[in-house]
N, C-alpha and C. Protein backbone atom coordinates (compact mmCIF):
# COMPACT_ATOMS: atom_id res chain seq x y z
N UNK A 1 49.40 19.87 9.01
CA UNK A 1 48.69 19.59 10.24
C UNK A 1 49.05 20.67 11.26
N UNK A 2 48.03 21.24 11.88
CA UNK A 2 48.31 22.29 12.85
C UNK A 2 48.67 21.68 14.22
N UNK A 3 49.10 22.54 15.13
CA UNK A 3 49.59 22.08 16.44
C UNK A 3 48.50 21.38 17.25
N UNK A 4 47.27 21.91 17.21
CA UNK A 4 46.18 21.30 17.98
C UNK A 4 45.86 19.90 17.46
N UNK A 5 45.83 19.74 16.14
CA UNK A 5 45.55 18.43 15.56
C UNK A 5 46.64 17.42 15.95
N UNK A 6 47.88 17.87 15.94
CA UNK A 6 48.98 16.99 16.34
C UNK A 6 48.85 16.62 17.82
N UNK A 7 48.52 17.60 18.63
CA UNK A 7 48.34 17.35 20.06
C UNK A 7 47.24 16.31 20.29
N UNK A 8 46.14 16.44 19.58
CA UNK A 8 45.02 15.50 19.70
C UNK A 8 45.47 14.10 19.29
N UNK A 9 46.22 14.00 18.19
CA UNK A 9 46.71 12.69 17.73
C UNK A 9 47.61 12.04 18.76
N UNK A 10 48.48 12.83 19.39
CA UNK A 10 49.40 12.29 20.39
C UNK A 10 48.63 11.79 21.62
N UNK A 11 47.71 12.61 22.11
CA UNK A 11 46.92 12.23 23.29
C UNK A 11 46.04 11.03 22.96
N UNK A 12 45.46 11.02 21.78
CA UNK A 12 44.64 9.89 21.33
C UNK A 12 45.48 8.61 21.30
N UNK A 13 46.68 8.70 20.76
CA UNK A 13 47.56 7.53 20.67
C UNK A 13 47.96 7.03 22.05
N UNK A 14 48.11 7.93 22.99
CA UNK A 14 48.53 7.55 24.34
C UNK A 14 47.39 6.96 25.16
N UNK A 15 46.19 7.52 25.04
CA UNK A 15 45.09 7.13 25.92
C UNK A 15 44.01 6.29 25.24
N UNK A 16 43.60 6.67 24.05
CA UNK A 16 42.45 6.04 23.42
C UNK A 16 42.83 4.78 22.65
N UNK A 17 43.85 4.85 21.83
CA UNK A 17 44.23 3.71 20.98
C UNK A 17 44.49 2.43 21.77
N UNK A 18 45.24 2.49 22.89
CA UNK A 18 45.46 1.24 23.63
C UNK A 18 44.15 0.61 24.13
N UNK A 19 43.21 1.45 24.52
CA UNK A 19 41.91 0.94 24.97
C UNK A 19 41.15 0.32 23.81
N UNK A 20 41.21 0.96 22.65
CA UNK A 20 40.55 0.41 21.47
C UNK A 20 41.16 -0.93 21.08
N UNK A 21 42.49 -1.03 21.18
CA UNK A 21 43.16 -2.29 20.85
C UNK A 21 42.79 -3.39 21.85
N UNK A 22 42.71 -3.02 23.12
CA UNK A 22 42.31 -3.99 24.14
C UNK A 22 40.89 -4.48 23.88
N UNK A 23 40.01 -3.57 23.50
CA UNK A 23 38.63 -3.94 23.19
C UNK A 23 38.57 -4.84 21.96
N UNK A 24 39.37 -4.54 20.95
CA UNK A 24 39.40 -5.37 19.74
C UNK A 24 39.87 -6.79 20.07
N UNK A 25 40.84 -6.89 20.97
CA UNK A 25 41.31 -8.22 21.39
C UNK A 25 40.18 -8.99 22.07
N UNK A 26 39.42 -8.32 22.91
CA UNK A 26 38.30 -8.99 23.58
C UNK A 26 37.20 -9.35 22.59
N UNK A 27 37.00 -8.53 21.58
CA UNK A 27 36.01 -8.85 20.55
C UNK A 27 36.42 -10.11 19.81
N UNK A 28 37.71 -10.26 19.54
CA UNK A 28 38.16 -11.47 18.84
C UNK A 28 38.00 -12.71 19.73
N UNK A 29 37.91 -12.50 21.05
CA UNK A 29 37.65 -13.60 21.98
C UNK A 29 36.14 -13.75 22.24
N UNK A 30 35.33 -13.06 21.47
CA UNK A 30 33.86 -13.16 21.49
C UNK A 30 33.21 -12.54 22.73
N UNK A 31 33.90 -11.63 23.40
CA UNK A 31 33.31 -10.98 24.56
C UNK A 31 32.08 -10.18 24.16
N UNK A 32 32.09 -9.63 22.95
CA UNK A 32 30.94 -8.86 22.47
C UNK A 32 29.72 -9.75 22.28
N UNK A 33 29.93 -11.05 22.08
CA UNK A 33 28.83 -12.01 21.93
C UNK A 33 28.39 -12.52 23.31
N UNK A 34 29.37 -12.83 24.16
CA UNK A 34 29.08 -13.41 25.47
C UNK A 34 28.45 -12.41 26.44
N UNK A 35 28.86 -11.15 26.35
CA UNK A 35 28.35 -10.13 27.27
C UNK A 35 28.17 -8.81 26.52
N UNK A 36 27.19 -8.76 25.61
CA UNK A 36 27.06 -7.58 24.75
C UNK A 36 26.76 -6.28 25.49
N UNK A 37 26.01 -6.33 26.56
CA UNK A 37 25.69 -5.10 27.30
C UNK A 37 26.94 -4.55 27.98
N UNK A 38 27.66 -5.41 28.68
CA UNK A 38 28.88 -4.98 29.37
C UNK A 38 29.94 -4.53 28.37
N UNK A 39 30.03 -5.24 27.26
CA UNK A 39 30.96 -4.86 26.19
C UNK A 39 30.58 -3.47 25.66
N UNK A 40 29.28 -3.24 25.51
CA UNK A 40 28.80 -1.94 25.03
C UNK A 40 29.16 -0.79 25.95
N UNK A 41 29.14 -1.05 27.28
CA UNK A 41 29.55 -0.01 28.23
C UNK A 41 31.00 0.39 28.00
N UNK A 42 31.85 -0.60 27.79
CA UNK A 42 33.27 -0.31 27.56
C UNK A 42 33.43 0.46 26.25
N UNK A 43 32.76 -0.02 25.22
CA UNK A 43 32.84 0.62 23.91
C UNK A 43 32.35 2.07 23.97
N UNK A 44 31.25 2.28 24.66
CA UNK A 44 30.70 3.63 24.80
C UNK A 44 31.68 4.53 25.56
N UNK A 45 32.27 4.01 26.62
CA UNK A 45 33.24 4.79 27.38
C UNK A 45 34.43 5.20 26.54
N UNK A 46 34.91 4.29 25.70
CA UNK A 46 36.04 4.60 24.82
C UNK A 46 35.65 5.66 23.80
N UNK A 47 34.46 5.53 23.23
CA UNK A 47 33.99 6.53 22.26
C UNK A 47 33.85 7.91 22.91
N UNK A 48 33.32 7.93 24.13
CA UNK A 48 33.19 9.21 24.84
C UNK A 48 34.56 9.80 25.16
N UNK A 49 35.51 8.95 25.52
CA UNK A 49 36.87 9.42 25.79
C UNK A 49 37.48 10.01 24.52
N UNK A 50 37.31 9.34 23.39
CA UNK A 50 37.86 9.83 22.13
C UNK A 50 37.29 11.20 21.79
N UNK A 51 36.00 11.36 21.99
CA UNK A 51 35.35 12.65 21.74
C UNK A 51 35.87 13.71 22.70
N UNK A 52 36.03 13.35 23.97
CA UNK A 52 36.52 14.29 24.96
C UNK A 52 37.94 14.74 24.63
N UNK A 53 38.78 13.80 24.23
CA UNK A 53 40.17 14.13 23.86
C UNK A 53 40.18 15.11 22.70
N UNK A 54 39.28 14.93 21.74
CA UNK A 54 39.19 15.84 20.60
C UNK A 54 38.82 17.25 21.07
N UNK A 55 37.93 17.33 22.04
CA UNK A 55 37.47 18.63 22.53
C UNK A 55 38.43 19.27 23.53
N UNK A 56 39.03 18.44 24.39
CA UNK A 56 39.85 18.97 25.50
C UNK A 56 41.12 18.14 25.69
N UNK A 57 42.04 18.20 24.74
CA UNK A 57 43.23 17.34 24.82
C UNK A 57 44.16 17.62 25.99
N UNK A 58 44.01 18.76 26.63
CA UNK A 58 44.89 19.09 27.76
C UNK A 58 44.24 18.86 29.12
N UNK A 59 43.05 18.35 29.14
CA UNK A 59 42.34 18.11 30.41
C UNK A 59 42.76 16.76 30.97
N UNK A 60 44.01 16.67 31.39
CA UNK A 60 44.59 15.39 31.78
C UNK A 60 43.93 14.76 32.99
N UNK A 61 43.50 15.56 33.94
CA UNK A 61 42.83 15.01 35.12
C UNK A 61 41.55 14.29 34.71
N UNK A 62 40.75 14.95 33.89
CA UNK A 62 39.49 14.36 33.43
C UNK A 62 39.76 13.15 32.53
N UNK A 63 40.77 13.24 31.69
CA UNK A 63 41.12 12.11 30.82
C UNK A 63 41.51 10.91 31.68
N UNK A 64 42.36 11.13 32.68
CA UNK A 64 42.77 10.04 33.58
C UNK A 64 41.57 9.44 34.31
N UNK A 65 40.64 10.28 34.74
CA UNK A 65 39.44 9.79 35.42
C UNK A 65 38.60 8.93 34.48
N UNK A 66 38.46 9.37 33.23
CA UNK A 66 37.70 8.57 32.27
C UNK A 66 38.40 7.25 31.98
N UNK A 67 39.71 7.28 31.86
CA UNK A 67 40.46 6.04 31.62
C UNK A 67 40.27 5.09 32.79
N UNK A 68 40.30 5.61 34.02
CA UNK A 68 40.08 4.77 35.20
C UNK A 68 38.69 4.13 35.16
N UNK A 69 37.66 4.90 34.79
CA UNK A 69 36.31 4.35 34.70
C UNK A 69 36.23 3.27 33.62
N UNK A 70 36.91 3.49 32.51
CA UNK A 70 36.91 2.50 31.43
C UNK A 70 37.64 1.24 31.89
N UNK A 71 38.75 1.39 32.59
CA UNK A 71 39.48 0.22 33.09
C UNK A 71 38.60 -0.57 34.07
N UNK A 72 37.83 0.12 34.88
CA UNK A 72 36.88 -0.56 35.76
C UNK A 72 35.88 -1.36 34.93
N UNK A 73 35.35 -0.74 33.86
CA UNK A 73 34.39 -1.44 33.01
C UNK A 73 35.04 -2.64 32.31
N UNK A 74 36.31 -2.54 31.95
CA UNK A 74 37.02 -3.69 31.39
C UNK A 74 37.07 -4.83 32.42
N UNK A 75 37.41 -4.50 33.67
CA UNK A 75 37.47 -5.54 34.70
C UNK A 75 36.08 -6.13 34.94
N UNK A 76 35.08 -5.27 34.91
CA UNK A 76 33.70 -5.74 35.08
C UNK A 76 33.31 -6.67 33.93
N UNK A 77 33.68 -6.29 32.72
CA UNK A 77 33.42 -7.13 31.55
C UNK A 77 34.06 -8.50 31.72
N UNK A 78 35.30 -8.53 32.19
CA UNK A 78 35.99 -9.81 32.44
C UNK A 78 35.18 -10.66 33.42
N UNK A 79 34.72 -10.06 34.50
CA UNK A 79 33.93 -10.78 35.50
C UNK A 79 32.64 -11.33 34.91
N UNK A 80 31.95 -10.49 34.18
CA UNK A 80 30.67 -10.91 33.59
C UNK A 80 30.90 -12.07 32.62
N UNK A 81 31.92 -11.97 31.79
CA UNK A 81 32.21 -13.05 30.84
C UNK A 81 32.56 -14.34 31.58
N UNK A 82 33.30 -14.24 32.67
CA UNK A 82 33.60 -15.45 33.46
C UNK A 82 32.32 -16.10 33.97
N UNK A 83 31.41 -15.28 34.49
CA UNK A 83 30.15 -15.83 35.01
C UNK A 83 29.28 -16.40 33.89
N UNK A 84 29.23 -15.71 32.77
CA UNK A 84 28.45 -16.20 31.62
C UNK A 84 29.02 -17.54 31.16
N UNK A 85 30.34 -17.62 31.09
CA UNK A 85 30.99 -18.86 30.67
C UNK A 85 30.66 -20.00 31.63
N UNK A 86 30.66 -19.70 32.93
CA UNK A 86 30.27 -20.72 33.92
C UNK A 86 28.85 -21.20 33.65
N UNK A 87 27.95 -20.24 33.42
CA UNK A 87 26.55 -20.61 33.16
C UNK A 87 26.42 -21.46 31.90
N UNK A 88 27.15 -21.09 30.86
CA UNK A 88 27.09 -21.85 29.62
C UNK A 88 27.54 -23.28 29.84
N UNK A 89 28.53 -23.45 30.71
CA UNK A 89 29.11 -24.77 30.93
C UNK A 89 28.37 -25.60 31.98
N UNK A 90 27.34 -25.04 32.60
CA UNK A 90 26.59 -25.78 33.60
C UNK A 90 25.69 -26.79 32.90
N UNK A 91 25.85 -28.04 33.28
CA UNK A 91 24.97 -29.07 32.73
C UNK A 91 23.64 -29.02 33.48
N UNK A 92 22.59 -29.52 32.84
CA UNK A 92 21.26 -29.44 33.46
C UNK A 92 21.24 -30.07 34.85
N UNK A 93 21.98 -31.15 35.03
CA UNK A 93 21.99 -31.81 36.34
C UNK A 93 22.69 -30.97 37.40
N UNK A 94 23.41 -29.94 36.99
CA UNK A 94 24.15 -29.09 37.93
C UNK A 94 23.46 -27.76 38.20
N UNK A 95 22.25 -27.56 37.68
CA UNK A 95 21.55 -26.30 37.91
C UNK A 95 21.31 -26.06 39.39
N UNK A 96 20.79 -27.09 40.07
CA UNK A 96 20.48 -26.89 41.48
C UNK A 96 21.72 -26.55 42.31
N UNK A 97 22.83 -27.28 42.19
CA UNK A 97 24.02 -26.89 42.95
C UNK A 97 24.48 -25.46 42.63
N UNK A 98 24.33 -25.05 41.40
CA UNK A 98 24.71 -23.69 41.01
C UNK A 98 23.84 -22.67 41.75
N UNK A 99 22.53 -22.92 41.78
CA UNK A 99 21.60 -22.02 42.47
C UNK A 99 21.85 -22.05 43.97
N UNK A 100 22.11 -23.23 44.52
CA UNK A 100 22.37 -23.34 45.95
C UNK A 100 23.65 -22.60 46.35
N UNK A 101 24.64 -22.62 45.48
CA UNK A 101 25.87 -21.87 45.74
C UNK A 101 25.59 -20.36 45.78
N UNK A 102 24.81 -19.89 44.82
CA UNK A 102 24.44 -18.46 44.80
C UNK A 102 23.62 -18.12 46.04
N UNK A 103 22.70 -19.00 46.39
CA UNK A 103 21.87 -18.78 47.58
C UNK A 103 22.74 -18.73 48.84
N UNK A 104 23.73 -19.59 48.90
CA UNK A 104 24.63 -19.63 50.05
C UNK A 104 25.40 -18.32 50.19
N UNK A 105 25.86 -17.77 49.06
CA UNK A 105 26.56 -16.48 49.10
C UNK A 105 25.64 -15.38 49.60
N UNK A 106 24.40 -15.40 49.13
CA UNK A 106 23.43 -14.39 49.56
C UNK A 106 23.15 -14.53 51.06
N UNK A 107 23.07 -15.78 51.53
CA UNK A 107 22.81 -16.02 52.95
C UNK A 107 23.95 -15.48 53.81
N UNK A 108 25.19 -15.69 53.37
CA UNK A 108 26.33 -15.16 54.12
C UNK A 108 26.25 -13.64 54.23
N UNK A 109 25.87 -13.00 53.15
CA UNK A 109 25.75 -11.54 53.16
C UNK A 109 24.60 -11.09 54.06
N UNK A 110 23.45 -11.74 53.93
CA UNK A 110 22.29 -11.33 54.74
C UNK A 110 22.54 -11.59 56.22
N UNK A 111 23.24 -12.67 56.53
CA UNK A 111 23.57 -12.96 57.93
C UNK A 111 24.50 -11.91 58.50
N UNK A 112 25.48 -11.51 57.71
CA UNK A 112 26.43 -10.50 58.16
C UNK A 112 25.76 -9.13 58.30
N UNK A 113 24.82 -8.85 57.40
CA UNK A 113 24.18 -7.53 57.41
C UNK A 113 23.20 -7.38 58.57
N UNK A 114 22.24 -8.27 58.67
CA UNK A 114 21.19 -8.11 59.69
C UNK A 114 20.85 -9.41 60.40
N UNK A 115 21.48 -10.50 60.01
CA UNK A 115 21.18 -11.79 60.63
C UNK A 115 19.90 -12.43 60.10
N UNK A 116 19.40 -11.93 58.98
CA UNK A 116 18.16 -12.46 58.42
C UNK A 116 18.43 -13.60 57.44
N UNK A 117 17.46 -14.49 57.34
CA UNK A 117 17.55 -15.62 56.42
C UNK A 117 16.42 -15.49 55.40
N UNK A 118 16.79 -15.19 54.16
CA UNK A 118 15.80 -14.98 53.10
C UNK A 118 15.78 -16.13 52.11
N UNK A 119 16.31 -17.29 52.49
CA UNK A 119 16.44 -18.38 51.52
C UNK A 119 15.11 -18.98 51.09
N UNK A 120 14.02 -18.57 51.70
CA UNK A 120 12.71 -19.04 51.26
C UNK A 120 12.13 -18.16 50.16
N UNK A 121 12.97 -17.26 49.60
CA UNK A 121 12.54 -16.36 48.54
C UNK A 121 13.44 -16.53 47.32
N UNK A 122 13.01 -16.02 46.19
CA UNK A 122 13.82 -16.10 44.97
C UNK A 122 15.12 -15.33 45.16
N UNK A 123 16.11 -15.63 44.33
CA UNK A 123 17.40 -14.95 44.43
C UNK A 123 17.25 -13.44 44.23
N UNK A 124 16.40 -13.04 43.29
CA UNK A 124 16.23 -11.60 43.07
C UNK A 124 15.54 -10.95 44.27
N UNK A 125 14.58 -11.63 44.88
CA UNK A 125 13.93 -11.09 46.07
C UNK A 125 14.92 -11.02 47.23
N UNK A 126 15.77 -12.05 47.34
CA UNK A 126 16.80 -12.03 48.39
C UNK A 126 17.72 -10.83 48.22
N UNK A 127 18.17 -10.60 47.00
CA UNK A 127 19.09 -9.48 46.78
C UNK A 127 18.42 -8.15 47.09
N UNK A 128 17.14 -8.02 46.76
CA UNK A 128 16.41 -6.79 47.09
C UNK A 128 16.29 -6.60 48.60
N UNK A 129 15.98 -7.67 49.31
CA UNK A 129 15.86 -7.58 50.77
C UNK A 129 17.20 -7.25 51.41
N UNK A 130 18.27 -7.87 50.92
CA UNK A 130 19.61 -7.60 51.46
C UNK A 130 20.00 -6.15 51.20
N UNK A 131 19.73 -5.67 49.99
CA UNK A 131 20.04 -4.27 49.67
C UNK A 131 19.28 -3.34 50.61
N UNK A 132 18.02 -3.66 50.87
CA UNK A 132 17.22 -2.85 51.80
C UNK A 132 17.83 -2.88 53.20
N UNK A 133 18.24 -4.07 53.67
CA UNK A 133 18.86 -4.20 54.99
C UNK A 133 20.14 -3.38 55.09
N UNK A 134 20.96 -3.46 54.07
CA UNK A 134 22.23 -2.72 54.07
C UNK A 134 21.96 -1.22 54.06
N UNK A 135 20.98 -0.80 53.29
CA UNK A 135 20.63 0.62 53.25
C UNK A 135 20.18 1.10 54.63
N UNK A 136 19.42 0.28 55.32
CA UNK A 136 18.98 0.65 56.67
C UNK A 136 20.16 0.71 57.63
N UNK A 137 21.13 -0.17 57.45
CA UNK A 137 22.33 -0.14 58.30
C UNK A 137 23.14 1.14 58.09
N UNK A 138 23.10 1.66 56.89
CA UNK A 138 23.87 2.86 56.56
C UNK A 138 23.23 4.13 57.09
N UNK A 139 21.96 4.06 57.45
CA UNK A 139 21.26 5.24 57.96
C UNK A 139 21.77 5.54 59.37
N UNK A 140 21.96 6.81 59.67
CA UNK A 140 22.44 7.16 61.01
C UNK A 140 21.40 6.80 62.07
N UNK A 141 21.91 6.36 63.18
CA UNK A 141 21.02 6.02 64.29
C UNK A 141 20.65 7.32 65.01
N UNK A 142 19.35 7.53 65.14
CA UNK A 142 18.89 8.74 65.82
C UNK A 142 18.53 8.37 67.25
N UNK A 143 19.02 9.14 68.21
CA UNK A 143 18.71 8.83 69.61
C UNK A 143 17.23 9.06 69.90
N UNK A 144 16.69 8.19 70.72
CA UNK A 144 15.28 8.33 71.12
C UNK A 144 15.23 9.00 72.48
N UNK A 145 14.32 9.93 72.62
CA UNK A 145 14.19 10.66 73.90
C UNK A 145 12.97 10.21 74.63
């Protein structure tokens, strides 16, 4: 084994393997079934990291940045699975309270953003309107002459 191959194996063992093991643990907990898209993002990130390590094993700054992005996706996967599990466990009689809770959260955000009440619209329409309001808040105020 040459020096570069050994270097790649060491870096792979330090950065990639632990992430692969963490993903395998989540797969055994059925995360890949409960949230396949989010699981796929994590898996793709790990595969891209493994390829990057093979190409550039000494690019530690970039490797660390990729690991940070993957860790974010792991946390996101955890959140998505928690929400999916909540949805799975909602009984039919509890659908309305679940929707009202989501609507209440959206109302708090819209009130804080612009003071608007969008509860007469679907949740997806509310989120679009709130996103638009927030985007307008982020725009610089231009003085009028």
